[in-house]
Amino acid sequence: MIKVATIGLAAAISASTGGEEPVAANDIFPGVDDFRMQTITRTKNEADWPFVPTKGLLLCAKILRQPAVYFVGEDQDGEQMEPFVISTDMVEVAIANIGTTGVLRPYDGFEQLLKRLVPYVSMGRRLCDQPPGTNLPDSAL
């Protein structure tokens, strides 16, 4: 029974990728070693910094072969906060982060929020071009 389910899942995945090469399991459900990360820190005069924490990690992993970008802030005690999905799709941001507060600085509207998030989403997507397990210093990308 398990083999049939596995074959069915593999067939569904292959069909969903247009018959391209099979998708590796870590491209569907990434493990810890599949993430790439970069430290990011707010500069002194950075007006469009989108996050409440002034320091954190930008993470990226491929999920269903698409880059998924996260911000993991560092709180005032130096502890890591919960991962927060960042994207240019505001519906995705709202649904993925439902109930999560204290991550984004106040904004006047989605246009302002997008203006703030786009550079970090772009940086995160470039981060996903790096090999899995990459850990870059601040401002490397």
Protein backbone atom coordinates (compact mmCIF):
# COMPACT_ATOMS: atom_id res chain seq x y z
CA MET A 1 0.00 0.00 0.00
CA ILE A 2 2.79 2.41 0.86
CA LYS A 3 4.57 1.76 -2.46
CA VAL A 4 1.39 2.58 -4.37
CA ALA A 5 0.98 5.84 -2.46
CA THR A 6 4.62 6.73 -3.09
CA ILE A 7 4.32 6.02 -6.81
CA GLY A 8 1.09 8.01 -6.96
CA LEU A 9 2.73 10.95 -5.22
CA ALA A 10 5.72 10.77 -7.57
CA ALA A 11 3.43 10.69 -10.60
CA ALA A 12 1.41 13.63 -9.32
CA ILE A 13 4.55 15.63 -8.67
CA SER A 14 5.97 14.79 -12.09
CA ALA A 15 2.72 15.80 -13.75
CA SER A 16 2.59 19.03 -11.78
CA THR A 17 6.05 20.00 -13.03
CA GLY A 18 5.07 19.46 -16.64
CA GLY A 19 6.85 16.12 -16.97
CA GLU A 20 10.26 17.65 -16.28
CA GLU A 21 12.85 15.82 -14.25
CA PRO A 22 11.50 14.37 -11.00
CA VAL A 23 11.36 16.72 -8.05
CA ALA A 24 13.72 15.92 -5.19
CA ALA A 25 12.01 15.41 -1.84
CA ASN A 26 13.89 18.36 -0.33
CA ASP A 27 12.43 20.61 -3.07
CA ILE A 28 8.95 19.80 -1.71
CA PHE A 29 9.53 19.73 2.04
CA PRO A 30 12.91 21.33 2.78
CA GLY A 31 14.97 20.16 5.70
CA VAL A 32 17.18 22.31 7.89
CA ASP A 33 20.18 21.81 5.57
CA ASP A 34 18.20 23.02 2.54
CA PHE A 35 17.92 26.62 3.76
CA ARG A 36 20.26 29.41 2.77
CA MET A 37 20.67 32.32 5.18
CA GLN A 38 22.08 35.79 5.41
CA THR A 39 22.32 38.12 8.39
CA ILE A 40 20.64 41.47 7.78
CA THR A 41 20.85 44.56 9.96
CA ARG A 42 19.11 47.91 9.74
CA THR A 43 21.54 50.71 8.95
CA LYS A 44 21.44 53.92 10.95
CA ASN A 45 19.59 56.02 8.35
CA GLU A 46 17.50 53.28 6.70
CA ALA A 47 14.00 54.79 6.52
CA ASP A 48 12.36 51.93 4.58
CA TRP A 49 13.46 49.06 6.86
CA PRO A 50 10.26 47.00 7.04
CA PHE A 51 10.81 45.11 10.29
CA VAL A 52 10.43 45.98 13.97
CA PRO A 53 13.58 44.02 14.95
CA THR A 54 16.70 45.85 13.79
CA LYS A 55 18.58 42.61 13.13
CA GLY A 56 17.71 39.17 11.88
CA LEU A 57 18.19 36.46 9.31
CA LEU A 58 16.90 36.32 5.78
CA LEU A 59 16.20 32.68 4.91
CA CYS A 60 15.33 31.01 1.64
CA ALA A 61 14.49 27.45 0.67
CA LYS A 62 12.88 26.06 -2.43
CA ILE A 63 9.41 24.65 -1.87
CA LEU A 64 7.84 22.99 -4.90
CA ARG A 65 10.86 24.38 -6.79
CA GLN A 66 9.89 27.96 -5.94
CA PRO A 67 11.89 30.18 -3.58
CA ALA A 68 10.21 30.78 -0.24
CA VAL A 69 11.69 33.74 1.65
CA TYR A 70 11.49 34.25 5.42
CA PHE A 71 12.64 36.84 7.91
CA VAL A 72 13.64 35.62 11.37
CA GLY A 73 14.06 38.61 13.62
CA GLU A 74 16.20 38.85 16.71
CA ASP A 75 14.37 40.18 19.76
CA GLN A 76 15.83 42.55 22.38
CA ASP A 77 17.16 39.59 24.38
CA GLY A 78 19.04 38.23 21.35
CA GLU A 79 16.59 35.35 20.90
CA GLN A 80 15.29 34.38 17.48
CA MET A 81 11.66 35.14 16.74
CA GLU A 82 9.32 32.90 14.73
CA PRO A 83 9.96 32.83 10.96
CA PHE A 84 7.87 35.36 9.04
CA VAL A 85 7.09 34.78 5.35
CA ILE A 86 7.90 37.75 3.14
CA SER A 87 6.63 38.01 -0.41
CA THR A 88 5.36 40.49 -2.97
CA ASP A 89 2.01 38.67 -2.75
CA MET A 90 0.18 40.36 0.13
CA VAL A 91 -2.41 37.56 0.32
CA GLU A 92 0.40 35.04 0.83
CA VAL A 93 1.96 37.24 3.53
CA ALA A 94 -1.40 37.63 5.30
CA ILE A 95 -2.33 33.93 5.21
CA ALA A 96 1.11 32.49 5.98
CA ASN A 97 1.64 34.84 8.93
CA ILE A 98 -1.88 34.82 10.36
CA GLY A 99 -1.76 35.67 14.05
CA THR A 100 1.88 36.79 13.94
CA THR A 101 2.45 40.28 15.27
CA GLY A 102 5.38 42.49 16.17
CA VAL A 103 7.40 41.78 13.02
CA LEU A 104 6.48 44.57 10.58
CA ARG A 105 6.82 48.26 11.30
CA PRO A 106 3.55 50.20 10.97
CA TYR A 107 2.72 51.14 7.38
CA ASP A 108 0.14 53.41 5.77
CA GLY A 109 -0.98 50.94 3.10
CA PHE A 110 0.04 47.96 1.00
CA GLU A 111 1.91 50.21 -1.42
CA GLN A 112 4.23 51.41 1.35
CA LEU A 113 4.63 47.87 2.72
CA LEU A 114 5.52 46.54 -0.74
CA LYS A 115 8.05 49.34 -1.24
CA ARG A 116 9.69 48.25 2.01
CA LEU A 117 9.53 44.48 1.42
CA VAL A 118 10.51 44.20 -2.27
CA PRO A 119 14.28 44.69 -1.75
CA TYR A 120 14.35 41.95 0.89
CA VAL A 121 12.18 39.56 -1.13
CA SER A 122 14.52 40.12 -4.11
CA MET A 123 17.58 39.57 -1.92
CA GLY A 124 16.01 36.41 -0.50
CA ARG A 125 15.30 35.05 -3.98
CA ARG A 126 18.93 35.71 -4.96
CA LEU A 127 19.92 33.92 -1.77
CA CYS A 128 18.02 30.87 -3.04
CA ASP A 129 20.39 30.79 -6.03
CA GLN A 130 23.18 29.88 -3.60
CA PRO A 131 23.87 26.24 -2.66
CA PRO A 132 21.74 24.80 0.18
CA GLY A 133 23.33 25.40 3.57
CA THR A 134 24.93 28.71 2.53
CA ASN A 135 25.36 31.19 5.39
CA LEU A 136 26.33 34.65 4.14
CA PRO A 137 27.47 37.65 6.18
CA ASP A 138 25.51 40.90 6.30
CA SER A 139 25.28 42.74 2.96
CA ALA A 140 26.81 39.91 0.88
CA LEU A 141 23.97 40.06 -1.64
